């Protein structure tokens, strides 16, 4: 329980500390005040019940009609209060959700935590971060507002209803037990607490496993959605290989997991419902039955019976908040656990100390005693010394699996497993990988990424796209439409990514198999184009093919098993 409360406090602090936090507290105060106003109207209805049934008992038509008018007035004003509170709560919900979502996104994106989490660094295993941000932020805010405000209202209301019930139950319950006369004064008050205490204990006993089952259900639902999204993103590859059957088996396996946990969840909810369903449907009638002894003893009239039964009912339903809200509370606790776990993982990823020292250098790129390791601690690549000066074109090569791409990640600041020193140039850099990424938007947003296309002239955007051989492509003629990169071949996607270098003009360009989908002639042409358009830029190229070195002056073999002559090979181009 203490851990759950700490999670609530941590997430609530993020909700309140966001933009407009002080205004949101004013919203919250007004909402609570309006909800507390409902207690006043409930007490008025209790008093109205006595007056109305008293008029019926006396067969006083005029008084009964008057009470009908009073009832309409109470209901009308209470409706205005309830609708106003509901509207303001929805406004507060989106404000808090925005603040919590902003905090989660900042934690996920800052210091490239999303990259480290995706690479499965030790201790940072987080499944489906998109679901945790998109769904759990909303679930937590809705749950904490619904249940929190209701709890505050119930706490205040219970005192008001108890005072009312205490004043009405002036009679005692008298009976004999084992030959002894027993008298319980104001027994209606004690009966309410005993009834609800026993019911709450039984509810928790039956519903305790719900939290873990709901947590698991949310995870498996997200895994299933992610699997389908992967099929959509890799439709061409799956179709070309005819992998539908394998994908279907994988989807079936994941849905079997959903189905199996759902059955467990349904069984547990059924067991809980075996008690809570009849409880909810009898809680309004039990008070009447409990008050009958006093009615039959002549201690109260019919109007008084209905009044005290309603007062008892309000006490019982208020005390039964835990029972009525058990499932929503389980959803809230599950959502807060997932979200708090996500924030803890991102914070840990951001704060994790790396064995690789990073610094900046005005004289170029320098590596010293660099050793890269897997997240499990296995050595991958060792670079005792590497120096690249500004203006050079360098080809880094080595066998597959050596760790060349990991080296690029380390240079970009996205790999922390290892030791040694990396001195990166202070100049502007651009990293282009084998599989280009394209953001949502038009083709101009794709070519300008990671900058905004609004920062460039239309002519410059067109010129960059045309220079890499995509000027006649139909995509360019649909520039105002949403860009669908799947309509381009792998080579065309790499061409478009290379156009970014022409547009952004970085001083250091790192290419990790960025031309692997092109034929050797096209590869040579594009690299020559980049060298001519960026004559002062430094090129660091990873490629399995020697064609990439046509514009190069130095080839460095990173494989320690390579021939000594290969490590110092220099290539001068015409």
Protein backbone atom coordinates (compact mmCIF):
# COMPACT_ATOMS: atom_id res chain seq x y z
CA UNK A 1 0.00 0.00 0.00
CA UNK A 2 2.84 2.40 0.85
CA UNK A 3 4.41 1.82 -2.58
CA UNK A 4 1.08 2.49 -4.30
CA UNK A 5 0.61 5.75 -2.40
CA UNK A 6 4.14 6.85 -3.31
CA UNK A 7 3.40 6.12 -6.96
CA UNK A 8 0.21 8.18 -6.75
CA UNK A 9 2.06 11.08 -5.11
CA UNK A 10 4.83 10.98 -7.72
CA UNK A 11 2.44 11.00 -10.68
CA UNK A 12 0.16 13.63 -9.13
CA UNK A 13 3.16 15.90 -8.62
CA UNK A 14 3.89 15.66 -12.35
CA UNK A 15 0.26 16.49 -13.15
CA UNK A 16 0.28 19.58 -10.96
CA UNK A 17 3.79 20.79 -11.83
CA UNK A 18 2.99 21.14 -15.54
CA UNK A 19 1.85 24.22 -17.41
CA UNK A 20 -1.15 25.82 -15.70
CA UNK A 21 -0.63 23.80 -12.52
CA UNK A 22 -1.93 26.51 -10.18
CA UNK A 23 -5.04 27.02 -12.30
CA UNK A 24 -5.68 23.29 -12.26
CA UNK A 25 -5.70 23.36 -8.45
CA UNK A 26 -8.41 26.03 -8.60
CA UNK A 27 -10.40 23.77 -10.95
CA UNK A 28 -9.95 20.90 -8.49
CA UNK A 29 -11.13 23.01 -5.54
CA UNK A 30 -14.26 24.12 -7.44
CA UNK A 31 -15.03 20.54 -8.49
CA UNK A 32 -14.69 19.27 -4.92
CA UNK A 33 -16.91 22.11 -3.67
CA UNK A 34 -19.58 21.23 -6.24
CA UNK A 35 -19.40 17.54 -5.33
CA UNK A 36 -19.70 18.39 -1.65
CA UNK A 37 -22.80 20.39 -2.57
CA UNK A 38 -24.33 17.06 -3.52
CA UNK A 39 -24.27 16.10 0.18
CA UNK A 40 -26.51 19.05 0.96
CA UNK A 41 -29.03 18.01 -1.68
CA UNK A 42 -28.94 14.41 -0.45
CA UNK A 43 -29.77 15.52 3.10
CA UNK A 44 -32.59 17.67 1.71
CA UNK A 45 -33.95 14.60 -0.06
CA UNK A 46 -33.82 12.62 3.20
CA UNK A 47 -35.85 15.31 4.94
CA UNK A 48 -38.16 15.53 1.93
CA UNK A 49 -38.81 11.77 2.18
CA UNK A 50 -40.17 12.15 5.71
CA UNK A 51 -42.39 15.07 4.71
CA UNK A 52 -43.71 13.39 1.55
CA UNK A 53 -44.54 10.01 3.13
CA UNK A 54 -45.98 11.82 6.15
CA UNK A 55 -48.37 13.64 3.79
CA UNK A 56 -49.32 10.34 2.16
CA UNK A 57 -49.93 8.75 5.56
CA UNK A 58 -52.27 11.62 6.47
CA UNK A 59 -53.90 11.50 3.00
CA UNK A 60 -53.14 15.23 2.59
CA UNK A 61 -53.27 15.81 -1.20
CA UNK A 62 -52.30 19.47 -1.00
CA UNK A 63 -49.20 18.79 1.09
CA UNK A 64 -48.23 15.90 -1.20
CA UNK A 65 -48.48 18.11 -4.30
CA UNK A 66 -46.38 20.77 -2.62
CA UNK A 67 -43.69 18.18 -1.81
CA UNK A 68 -43.69 17.09 -5.44
CA UNK A 69 -42.82 20.67 -6.38
CA UNK A 70 -40.09 20.72 -3.73
CA UNK A 71 -38.72 17.46 -5.16
CA UNK A 72 -38.58 18.91 -8.68
CA UNK A 73 -36.69 21.96 -7.39
CA UNK A 74 -34.15 19.83 -5.51
CA UNK A 75 -33.56 17.57 -8.53
CA UNK A 76 -33.23 20.54 -10.91
CA UNK A 77 -30.65 22.38 -8.81
CA UNK A 78 -28.77 19.17 -8.10
CA UNK A 79 -28.62 18.41 -11.83
CA UNK A 80 -27.07 21.80 -12.57
CA UNK A 81 -24.50 21.17 -9.83
CA UNK A 82 -23.67 17.67 -11.10
CA UNK A 83 -23.37 18.67 -14.76
CA UNK A 84 -21.14 21.63 -13.89
CA UNK A 85 -18.85 19.43 -11.81
CA UNK A 86 -18.70 16.82 -14.59
CA UNK A 87 -17.79 19.41 -17.24
CA UNK A 88 -15.05 21.01 -15.12
CA UNK A 89 -13.65 17.58 -14.28
CA UNK A 90 -13.32 16.77 -17.99
CA UNK A 91 -11.42 20.05 -18.52
CA UNK A 92 -9.14 19.24 -15.59
CA UNK A 93 -8.66 15.71 -16.94
CA UNK A 94 -7.19 16.91 -20.24
CA UNK A 95 -5.01 19.50 -18.47
CA UNK A 96 -3.51 16.92 -16.13
CA UNK A 97 -3.19 14.35 -18.88
CA UNK A 98 -1.28 16.86 -21.01
CA UNK A 99 1.08 17.64 -18.11
CA UNK A 100 1.66 13.95 -17.35
CA UNK A 101 2.11 13.11 -21.04
CA UNK A 102 4.61 15.97 -21.44
CA UNK A 103 6.58 14.67 -18.44
CA UNK A 104 6.56 11.10 -19.81
CA UNK A 105 7.62 12.23 -23.30
CA UNK A 106 10.38 14.44 -21.89
CA UNK A 107 11.70 11.55 -19.81
CA UNK A 108 11.51 9.17 -22.79
CA UNK A 109 13.08 11.46 -25.40
CA UNK A 110 15.64 13.35 -23.30
CA UNK A 111 19.24 12.16 -23.46
CA UNK A 112 18.03 9.55 -26.00
CA UNK A 113 16.55 7.32 -23.29
CA UNK A 114 14.16 5.88 -25.89
CA UNK A 115 17.20 4.64 -27.84
CA UNK A 116 18.79 2.98 -24.83
CA UNK A 117 15.51 1.35 -23.80
CA UNK A 118 14.97 0.04 -27.33
CA UNK A 119 18.44 -1.55 -27.26
CA UNK A 120 17.54 -3.48 -24.12
CA UNK A 121 20.19 -2.11 -21.82
CA UNK A 122 20.54 -4.00 -18.59
CA UNK A 123 17.86 -3.10 -16.04
CA UNK A 124 15.96 -0.94 -18.53
CA UNK A 125 13.55 -3.47 -20.01
CA UNK A 126 10.30 -1.62 -20.75
CA UNK A 127 7.66 -3.15 -22.97
CA UNK A 128 5.43 -1.02 -25.19
CA UNK A 129 6.42 2.51 -24.09
CA UNK A 130 3.92 3.89 -26.63
CA UNK A 131 1.06 2.21 -24.75
CA UNK A 132 2.29 3.46 -21.41
CA UNK A 133 2.40 7.05 -22.62
CA UNK A 134 -0.71 7.05 -24.84
CA UNK A 135 -3.00 4.91 -22.64
CA UNK A 136 -1.71 4.80 -19.08
CA UNK A 137 -1.40 8.57 -18.70
CA UNK A 138 -5.10 8.91 -19.55
CA UNK A 139 -6.12 5.93 -17.41
CA UNK A 140 -4.25 7.25 -14.39
CA UNK A 141 -5.65 10.78 -14.63
CA UNK A 142 -9.21 9.54 -15.12
CA UNK A 143 -8.90 7.06 -12.28
CA UNK A 144 -7.30 9.43 -9.80
CA UNK A 145 -9.86 12.16 -10.50
CA UNK A 146 -12.89 9.86 -10.45
CA UNK A 147 -11.90 7.90 -7.36
CA UNK A 148 -9.98 10.65 -5.57
CA UNK A 149 -12.73 13.26 -5.75
CA UNK A 150 -15.33 10.66 -4.86
CA UNK A 151 -13.27 9.54 -1.85
CA UNK A 152 -12.98 13.13 -0.58
CA UNK A 153 -16.72 13.57 -1.02
CA UNK A 154 -17.41 10.30 0.78
CA UNK A 155 -15.17 11.21 3.72
CA UNK A 156 -16.94 14.54 4.21
CA UNK A 157 -20.34 13.01 3.49
CA UNK A 158 -20.01 10.19 6.01
CA UNK A 159 -19.84 12.67 8.90
CA UNK A 160 -22.91 14.51 7.64
CA UNK A 161 -24.89 11.31 7.14
CA UNK A 162 -23.78 9.87 10.48
CA UNK A 163 -24.96 12.98 12.32
CA UNK A 164 -28.30 12.68 10.55
CA UNK A 165 -28.61 8.93 11.27
CA UNK A 166 -27.54 9.42 14.88
CA UNK A 167 -30.24 12.01 15.40
CA UNK A 168 -32.93 9.81 13.82
CA UNK A 169 -32.04 6.49 15.49
CA UNK A 170 -32.99 7.48 19.04
CA UNK A 171 -34.48 4.06 19.75
CA UNK A 172 -32.75 0.85 20.85
CA UNK A 173 -32.90 -2.73 19.68
CA UNK A 174 -34.10 -4.99 22.50
CA UNK A 175 -33.91 -8.79 22.42
CA UNK A 176 -33.08 -11.80 24.58
CA UNK A 177 -29.94 -13.90 24.16
CA UNK A 178 -29.35 -17.04 26.24
CA UNK A 179 -31.87 -15.83 28.77
CA UNK A 180 -30.30 -12.41 29.03
CA UNK A 181 -31.99 -9.17 28.04
CA UNK A 182 -29.89 -7.25 25.54
CA UNK A 183 -30.41 -3.62 24.54
CA UNK A 184 -28.38 -1.92 21.81
CA UNK A 185 -28.97 1.86 21.75
CA UNK A 186 -28.90 3.53 18.34
CA UNK A 187 -28.36 0.11 16.78
CA UNK A 188 -28.90 1.49 13.26
CA UNK A 189 -25.53 3.31 13.44
CA UNK A 190 -23.56 0.25 14.59
CA UNK A 191 -25.31 -2.03 12.13
CA UNK A 192 -24.12 0.15 9.22
CA UNK A 193 -20.44 -0.12 10.21
CA UNK A 194 -20.55 -3.85 10.94
CA UNK A 195 -22.38 -4.57 7.68
CA UNK A 196 -19.93 -2.61 5.53
CA UNK A 197 -16.78 -3.83 7.37
CA UNK A 198 -17.63 -7.48 6.77
CA UNK A 199 -18.58 -6.77 3.16
CA UNK A 200 -15.34 -4.83 2.46
CA UNK A 201 -13.17 -7.62 3.84
CA UNK A 202 -14.91 -10.21 1.70
CA UNK A 203 -14.62 -7.96 -1.39
CA UNK A 204 -10.85 -7.57 -0.96
CA UNK A 205 -10.42 -11.30 -0.37
CA UNK A 206 -12.22 -12.13 -3.62
CA UNK A 207 -10.76 -9.32 -5.75
CA UNK A 208 -7.11 -9.17 -4.65
CA UNK A 209 -5.73 -10.96 -7.79
CA UNK A 210 -7.40 -8.44 -10.12
CA UNK A 211 -4.48 -5.97 -10.18
CA UNK A 212 -1.93 -8.44 -11.58
CA UNK A 213 -4.47 -9.88 -14.05
CA UNK A 214 -5.37 -6.41 -15.37
CA UNK A 215 -1.66 -5.51 -15.62
CA UNK A 216 -0.98 -8.66 -17.64
CA UNK A 217 -4.03 -8.10 -19.86
CA UNK A 218 -2.93 -4.59 -20.78
CA UNK A 219 0.58 -5.83 -21.62
CA UNK A 220 -0.64 -8.67 -23.82
CA UNK A 221 -3.12 -6.42 -25.64
CA UNK A 222 -0.29 -3.98 -26.39
CA UNK A 223 1.98 -6.80 -27.58
CA UNK A 224 -0.74 -7.99 -29.96
CA UNK A 225 -1.23 -4.47 -31.40
CA UNK A 226 2.52 -4.07 -31.82
CA UNK A 227 2.79 -7.37 -33.70
CA UNK A 228 0.14 -6.24 -36.18
CA UNK A 229 1.86 -2.87 -36.57
CA UNK A 230 5.12 -4.66 -37.44
CA UNK A 231 3.33 -6.61 -40.18
CA UNK A 232 1.96 -3.38 -41.62
CA UNK A 233 5.41 -1.76 -41.54
CA UNK A 234 7.10 -4.78 -43.15
CA UNK A 235 4.34 -5.68 -45.60
CA UNK A 236 6.64 -5.83 -48.65
CA UNK A 237 9.19 -8.13 -47.04
CA UNK A 238 6.55 -10.49 -45.65
CA UNK A 239 4.68 -10.64 -48.95
CA UNK A 240 7.83 -11.30 -50.98
CA UNK A 241 8.84 -14.20 -48.73
CA UNK A 242 5.30 -15.53 -48.35
CA UNK A 243 5.50 -15.32 -44.58
CA UNK A 244 1.78 -14.94 -43.92
CA UNK A 245 1.42 -18.35 -42.28
CA UNK A 246 4.29 -17.72 -39.88
CA UNK A 247 2.98 -14.26 -39.03
CA UNK A 248 -0.51 -15.68 -38.49
CA UNK A 249 0.86 -18.31 -36.14
CA UNK A 250 2.67 -15.60 -34.21
CA UNK A 251 -0.50 -13.49 -33.98
CA UNK A 252 -2.51 -16.54 -32.94
CA UNK A 253 0.04 -17.27 -30.21
CA UNK A 254 -0.17 -13.74 -28.87
CA UNK A 255 -3.96 -13.73 -29.02
CA UNK A 256 -4.00 -17.07 -27.19
CA UNK A 257 -2.14 -15.27 -24.42
CA UNK A 258 -4.80 -12.55 -24.41
CA UNK A 259 -7.57 -15.13 -24.39
CA UNK A 260 -6.02 -17.21 -21.60
CA UNK A 261 -5.51 -14.24 -19.30
CA UNK A 262 -8.96 -12.89 -20.20
CA UNK A 263 -10.53 -16.14 -18.98
CA UNK A 264 -8.64 -15.84 -15.70
CA UNK A 265 -9.75 -12.21 -15.42
CA UNK A 266 -13.37 -13.11 -16.22
CA UNK A 267 -13.33 -15.95 -13.66
CA UNK A 268 -11.98 -13.67 -10.95
CA UNK A 269 -14.50 -10.94 -11.79
CA UNK A 270 -17.25 -13.57 -11.71
CA UNK A 271 -16.21 -14.66 -8.22
CA UNK A 272 -16.09 -11.04 -7.09
CA UNK A 273 -19.44 -10.36 -8.74
CA UNK A 274 -21.03 -13.27 -6.89
CA UNK A 275 -20.83 -11.04 -3.84
CA UNK A 276 -20.76 -7.45 -5.16
CA UNK A 277 -23.68 -7.84 -7.60
CA UNK A 278 -26.26 -8.89 -5.00
CA UNK A 279 -24.68 -6.43 -2.55
CA UNK A 280 -25.21 -3.49 -4.91
CA UNK A 281 -28.78 -4.52 -5.63
CA UNK A 282 -29.77 -5.03 -1.99
CA UNK A 283 -27.90 -2.19 -0.30
CA UNK A 284 -30.88 0.15 -0.80
CA UNK A 285 -33.35 -2.35 0.69
CA UNK A 286 -31.35 -3.74 3.61
CA UNK A 287 -31.72 -0.47 5.58
CA UNK A 288 -35.51 -0.78 5.40
CA UNK A 289 -35.34 -4.33 6.75
CA UNK A 290 -32.97 -3.30 9.55
CA UNK A 291 -35.35 -0.50 10.63
CA UNK A 292 -38.48 -2.72 10.63
CA UNK A 293 -38.11 -3.80 14.31
CA UNK A 294 -38.38 -0.17 15.37
CA UNK A 295 -41.41 0.33 13.09
CA UNK A 296 -43.21 -2.73 14.41
CA UNK A 297 -42.39 -1.69 17.97
CA UNK A 298 -44.16 1.61 17.30
CA UNK A 299 -41.05 3.73 17.79
CA UNK A 300 -41.39 5.39 14.38
CA UNK A 301 -44.20 6.10 11.91
CA UNK A 302 -44.15 5.26 8.18
CA UNK A 303 -42.62 8.61 7.25
CA UNK A 304 -39.96 8.17 9.89
CA UNK A 305 -39.31 4.62 8.70
CA UNK A 306 -38.66 5.80 5.14
CA UNK A 307 -36.55 8.69 6.38
CA UNK A 308 -34.29 6.61 8.63
CA UNK A 309 -34.04 3.89 5.97
CA UNK A 310 -32.80 6.50 3.48
CA UNK A 311 -30.35 7.94 6.01
CA UNK A 312 -29.04 4.44 6.80
CA UNK A 313 -28.75 3.75 3.07
CA UNK A 314 -26.62 6.88 2.56
CA UNK A 315 -24.30 5.86 5.39
CA UNK A 316 -23.93 2.33 4.01
CA UNK A 317 -23.41 3.39 0.37
CA UNK A 318 -20.85 6.00 1.47
CA UNK A 319 -18.95 3.46 3.56
CA UNK A 320 -19.19 1.02 0.64
CA UNK A 321 -17.03 3.20 -1.63
CA UNK A 322 -14.24 0.60 -1.46
CA UNK A 323 -16.63 -2.17 -2.54
CA UNK A 324 -18.24 -0.25 -5.39
CA UNK A 325 -14.90 1.08 -6.65
CA UNK A 326 -12.83 -2.08 -6.26
CA UNK A 327 -12.44 -2.82 -9.96
CA UNK A 328 -11.79 0.84 -10.97
CA UNK A 329 -9.23 1.01 -8.16
CA UNK A 330 -7.56 -2.14 -9.53
CA UNK A 331 -7.37 -0.51 -12.97
CA UNK A 332 -5.93 2.65 -11.41
CA UNK A 333 -3.27 0.78 -9.43
CA UNK A 334 -2.30 -1.28 -12.49
CA UNK A 335 -2.00 1.85 -14.68
CA UNK A 336 0.02 3.74 -12.05
CA UNK A 337 2.36 0.74 -11.60
CA UNK A 338 3.03 0.54 -15.34
CA UNK A 339 3.51 4.29 -15.68
CA UNK A 340 5.70 4.63 -12.60
CA UNK A 341 7.80 1.69 -13.79
CA UNK A 342 8.23 3.35 -17.18
CA UNK A 343 9.30 6.68 -15.63
CA UNK A 344 11.72 4.89 -13.31
CA UNK A 345 13.27 3.01 -16.26
CA UNK A 346 13.68 6.16 -18.36
CA UNK A 347 15.17 8.04 -15.41
CA UNK A 348 17.58 5.17 -14.79
CA UNK A 349 18.54 5.10 -18.47
CA UNK A 350 19.17 8.85 -18.39
CA UNK A 351 21.23 8.73 -15.21
CA UNK A 352 23.19 5.56 -15.94
CA UNK A 353 26.91 6.16 -15.88
CA UNK A 354 28.78 4.96 -18.93
CA UNK A 355 32.27 3.53 -18.94
CA UNK A 356 32.87 5.46 -22.16
CA UNK A 357 34.16 8.97 -21.57
CA UNK A 358 32.90 11.57 -24.04
CA UNK A 359 34.36 14.98 -24.81
CA UNK A 360 34.52 17.47 -27.67
CA UNK A 361 37.49 18.30 -29.82
CA UNK A 362 38.17 21.09 -32.31
CA UNK A 363 40.87 19.01 -34.05
CA UNK A 364 38.65 16.20 -35.30
CA UNK A 365 37.53 12.74 -34.15
CA UNK A 366 39.75 10.86 -31.72
CA UNK A 367 39.23 7.43 -30.13
CA UNK A 368 41.48 6.12 -27.36
CA UNK A 369 41.42 2.59 -25.92
CA UNK A 370 37.78 2.20 -26.93
CA UNK A 371 36.18 -1.17 -26.14
CA UNK A 372 32.53 -1.74 -27.01
CA UNK A 373 30.55 -4.44 -25.22
CA UNK A 374 27.11 -6.00 -25.51
CA UNK A 375 24.51 -5.21 -22.80
CA UNK A 376 25.43 -8.63 -21.35
CA UNK A 377 29.09 -7.58 -20.98
CA UNK A 378 30.65 -9.46 -23.92
CA UNK A 379 33.42 -7.63 -25.80
CA UNK A 380 32.53 -6.74 -29.40
CA UNK A 381 34.92 -4.24 -30.89
CA UNK A 382 38.22 -2.81 -29.74
CA UNK A 383 39.73 0.35 -31.22
CA UNK A 384 43.01 1.19 -29.44
CA UNK A 385 43.51 4.41 -31.40
CA UNK A 386 41.78 6.21 -34.24
CA UNK A 387 42.26 9.79 -35.44
CA UNK A 388 40.28 11.41 -38.25
CA UNK A 389 41.05 14.97 -39.21
CA UNK A 390 38.58 17.49 -40.66
CA UNK A 391 38.16 17.18 -44.43
CA UNK A 392 39.14 13.51 -44.67
CA UNK A 393 37.09 10.75 -46.26
CA UNK A 394 37.56 7.51 -44.33
CA UNK A 395 36.17 4.07 -45.01
CA UNK A 396 35.77 1.85 -41.94
CA UNK A 397 35.34 -1.78 -42.82
CA UNK A 398 35.29 -5.18 -41.17
CA UNK A 399 33.47 -8.48 -41.17
CA UNK A 400 29.77 -8.73 -40.40
CA UNK A 401 29.01 -8.82 -36.69
CA UNK A 402 32.23 -7.08 -35.73
CA UNK A 403 30.40 -4.10 -34.21
CA UNK A 404 30.74 -1.42 -36.85
CA UNK A 405 27.14 -0.22 -36.46
CA UNK A 406 27.58 -0.29 -32.68
CA UNK A 407 30.61 1.96 -33.16
CA UNK A 408 28.41 4.43 -35.03
CA UNK A 409 25.88 4.30 -32.17
CA UNK A 410 28.68 4.98 -29.69
CA UNK A 411 29.89 7.95 -31.74
CA UNK A 412 26.32 9.30 -31.82
CA UNK A 413 26.06 8.94 -28.04
CA UNK A 414 23.56 6.08 -28.03
CA UNK A 415 25.75 3.25 -26.68
CA UNK A 416 27.07 3.24 -23.14
CA UNK A 417 28.31 -0.33 -22.68
CA UNK A 418 32.09 -0.33 -22.84
CA UNK A 419 35.07 1.76 -21.85
CA UNK A 420 37.56 4.17 -23.35
CA UNK A 421 37.42 7.73 -24.64
CA UNK A 422 35.57 9.34 -27.55
CA UNK A 423 36.40 12.90 -28.54
CA UNK A 424 33.78 14.08 -31.02
CA UNK A 425 34.25 17.13 -33.26
CA UNK A 426 32.55 20.32 -32.18
CA UNK A 427 31.33 20.88 -35.76
CA UNK A 428 27.85 19.93 -37.02
CA UNK A 429 27.28 16.22 -37.64
CA UNK A 430 24.75 14.05 -39.48
CA UNK A 431 24.37 10.28 -39.11
CA UNK A 432 22.67 8.30 -41.88
CA UNK A 433 21.97 4.60 -41.32
CA UNK A 434 21.24 1.67 -43.61
CA UNK A 435 17.51 1.89 -42.89
CA UNK A 436 16.39 5.51 -43.22
CA UNK A 437 13.73 6.93 -40.94
CA UNK A 438 11.03 9.25 -42.30
CA UNK A 439 8.74 11.31 -40.02
CA UNK A 440 5.05 11.82 -40.58
CA UNK A 441 4.36 14.63 -43.02
CA UNK A 442 5.03 15.45 -46.66
CA UNK A 443 8.18 14.61 -48.65
CA UNK A 444 9.75 17.95 -47.73
CA UNK A 445 9.47 17.07 -44.04
CA UNK A 446 11.17 13.76 -44.87
CA UNK A 447 14.13 15.32 -46.67
CA UNK A 448 14.62 18.12 -44.10
CA UNK A 449 14.58 15.79 -41.07
CA UNK A 450 15.75 16.26 -38.33
CA UNK A 451 15.31 19.97 -39.11
CA UNK A 452 11.96 21.49 -40.04
CA UNK A 453 11.14 21.95 -43.72
CA UNK A 454 9.91 25.45 -42.84
CA UNK A 455 13.53 26.46 -42.31
CA UNK A 456 14.34 25.98 -46.01
CA UNK A 457 13.23 27.51 -49.27
CA UNK A 458 11.07 25.39 -51.56
CA UNK A 459 13.66 25.69 -54.33
CA UNK A 460 16.38 24.26 -52.05
CA UNK A 461 14.13 21.36 -51.07
CA UNK A 462 13.32 20.59 -54.71
CA UNK A 463 16.96 20.90 -55.73
CA UNK A 464 18.14 18.42 -53.07
CA UNK A 465 15.53 15.84 -54.08
CA UNK A 466 16.25 16.21 -57.76
CA UNK A 467 20.03 16.01 -57.24
CA UNK A 468 19.79 12.45 -55.87
CA UNK A 469 17.75 11.28 -58.85
CA UNK A 470 14.21 11.53 -57.49
CA UNK A 471 13.11 14.58 -59.45
CA UNK A 472 11.00 12.55 -61.88
CA UNK A 473 9.52 10.36 -59.18
CA UNK A 474 5.76 10.61 -58.69
CA UNK A 475 6.32 11.29 -55.00
CA UNK A 476 7.73 14.73 -55.74
CA UNK A 477 4.60 15.62 -57.69
CA UNK A 478 2.49 14.80 -54.61
CA UNK A 479 4.42 17.05 -52.28
CA UNK A 480 1.29 18.45 -50.64
CA UNK A 481 0.10 14.95 -49.64
CA UNK A 482 1.10 12.76 -46.71
CA UNK A 483 4.36 11.08 -47.67
CA UNK A 484 4.23 7.28 -47.73
CA UNK A 485 7.82 6.06 -47.75
CA UNK A 486 6.68 2.49 -48.38
CA UNK A 487 5.91 3.55 -51.97
CA UNK A 488 9.67 3.94 -52.54
CA UNK A 489 12.11 1.11 -53.08
CA UNK A 490 14.96 0.57 -50.63
CA UNK A 491 17.38 2.33 -52.98
CA UNK A 492 15.03 5.28 -53.44
CA UNK A 493 14.65 5.63 -49.69
CA UNK A 494 18.42 5.75 -49.31
CA UNK A 495 18.64 8.35 -52.08
CA UNK A 496 16.11 10.51 -50.25
CA UNK A 497 18.07 10.16 -47.02
CA UNK A 498 21.26 11.23 -48.77
CA UNK A 499 19.41 14.31 -50.02
CA UNK A 500 19.32 15.41 -46.39
CA UNK A 501 23.09 15.80 -46.45
CA UNK A 502 22.85 18.08 -49.49
CA UNK A 503 20.20 20.17 -47.74
CA UNK A 504 21.60 20.28 -44.19
CA UNK A 505 25.26 20.56 -45.26
CA UNK A 506 26.85 18.96 -42.15
CA UNK A 507 30.57 19.44 -41.53
CA UNK A 508 30.87 15.76 -40.52
CA UNK A 509 28.86 13.09 -42.33
CA UNK A 510 28.68 9.54 -40.97
CA UNK A 511 27.31 6.91 -43.36
CA UNK A 512 26.52 3.45 -41.97
CA UNK A 513 25.79 1.26 -45.00
CA UNK A 514 23.72 4.23 -46.18
CA UNK A 515 24.18 3.20 -49.85
CA UNK A 516 23.88 -0.58 -49.50
CA UNK A 517 20.60 -0.76 -51.46
CA UNK A 518 22.13 1.01 -54.48
CA UNK A 519 24.14 -0.56 -57.28
CA UNK A 520 27.85 0.24 -57.32
CA UNK A 521 27.58 2.77 -60.12
CA UNK A 522 24.81 4.73 -58.39
CA UNK A 523 26.69 4.49 -55.11
CA UNK A 524 29.83 5.96 -56.64
CA UNK A 525 27.88 8.75 -58.35
CA UNK A 526 26.10 9.78 -55.15
CA UNK A 527 29.25 9.78 -53.03
CA UNK A 528 31.04 11.83 -55.71
CA UNK A 529 28.06 14.20 -55.66
CA UNK A 530 28.29 14.56 -51.89
CA UNK A 531 32.02 15.24 -52.08
CA UNK A 532 31.56 17.91 -54.73
CA UNK A 533 28.63 19.59 -52.94
CA UNK A 534 30.31 19.33 -49.52
CA UNK A 535 33.99 19.89 -50.40
CA UNK A 536 35.04 20.77 -46.85
CA UNK A 537 33.04 18.08 -45.07
CA UNK A 538 34.52 15.03 -43.37
CA UNK A 539 33.13 11.66 -44.47
CA UNK A 540 33.21 8.60 -42.21
CA UNK A 541 31.81 5.66 -44.17
CA UNK A 542 30.97 2.11 -43.15
CA UNK A 543 30.51 -0.21 -46.10
CA UNK A 544 31.20 -3.80 -47.11
CA UNK A 545 31.92 -2.72 -50.67
CA UNK A 546 35.08 -1.01 -51.87
CA UNK A 547 33.05 1.21 -54.21
CA UNK A 548 32.33 3.51 -51.34
CA UNK A 549 36.02 4.35 -51.18
CA UNK A 550 36.12 5.75 -54.70
CA UNK A 551 35.95 9.20 -53.22
CA UNK A 552 38.08 8.24 -50.25
CA UNK A 553 41.64 8.80 -49.16
CA UNK A 554 41.93 6.28 -46.34
CA UNK A 555 40.67 2.78 -45.60
CA UNK A 556 40.77 1.48 -42.02
CA UNK A 557 40.07 -2.17 -41.31
CA UNK A 558 38.61 -2.57 -37.83
CA UNK A 559 38.99 -6.35 -37.82
CA UNK A 560 41.91 -7.36 -35.58
CA UNK A 561 42.28 -10.54 -37.68
CA UNK A 562 42.89 -8.57 -40.89
CA UNK A 563 46.27 -8.50 -42.63
CA UNK A 564 48.56 -5.78 -41.24
CA UNK A 565 48.82 -4.16 -44.64
CA UNK A 566 45.05 -3.79 -44.82
CA UNK A 567 44.98 -1.68 -41.70
CA UNK A 568 47.18 1.01 -43.17
CA UNK A 569 45.94 0.87 -46.74
CA UNK A 570 45.56 4.28 -48.35
CA UNK A 571 43.61 4.94 -51.52
CA UNK A 572 44.02 8.08 -53.54
CA UNK A 573 41.27 8.81 -56.07
CA UNK A 574 41.61 10.74 -59.29
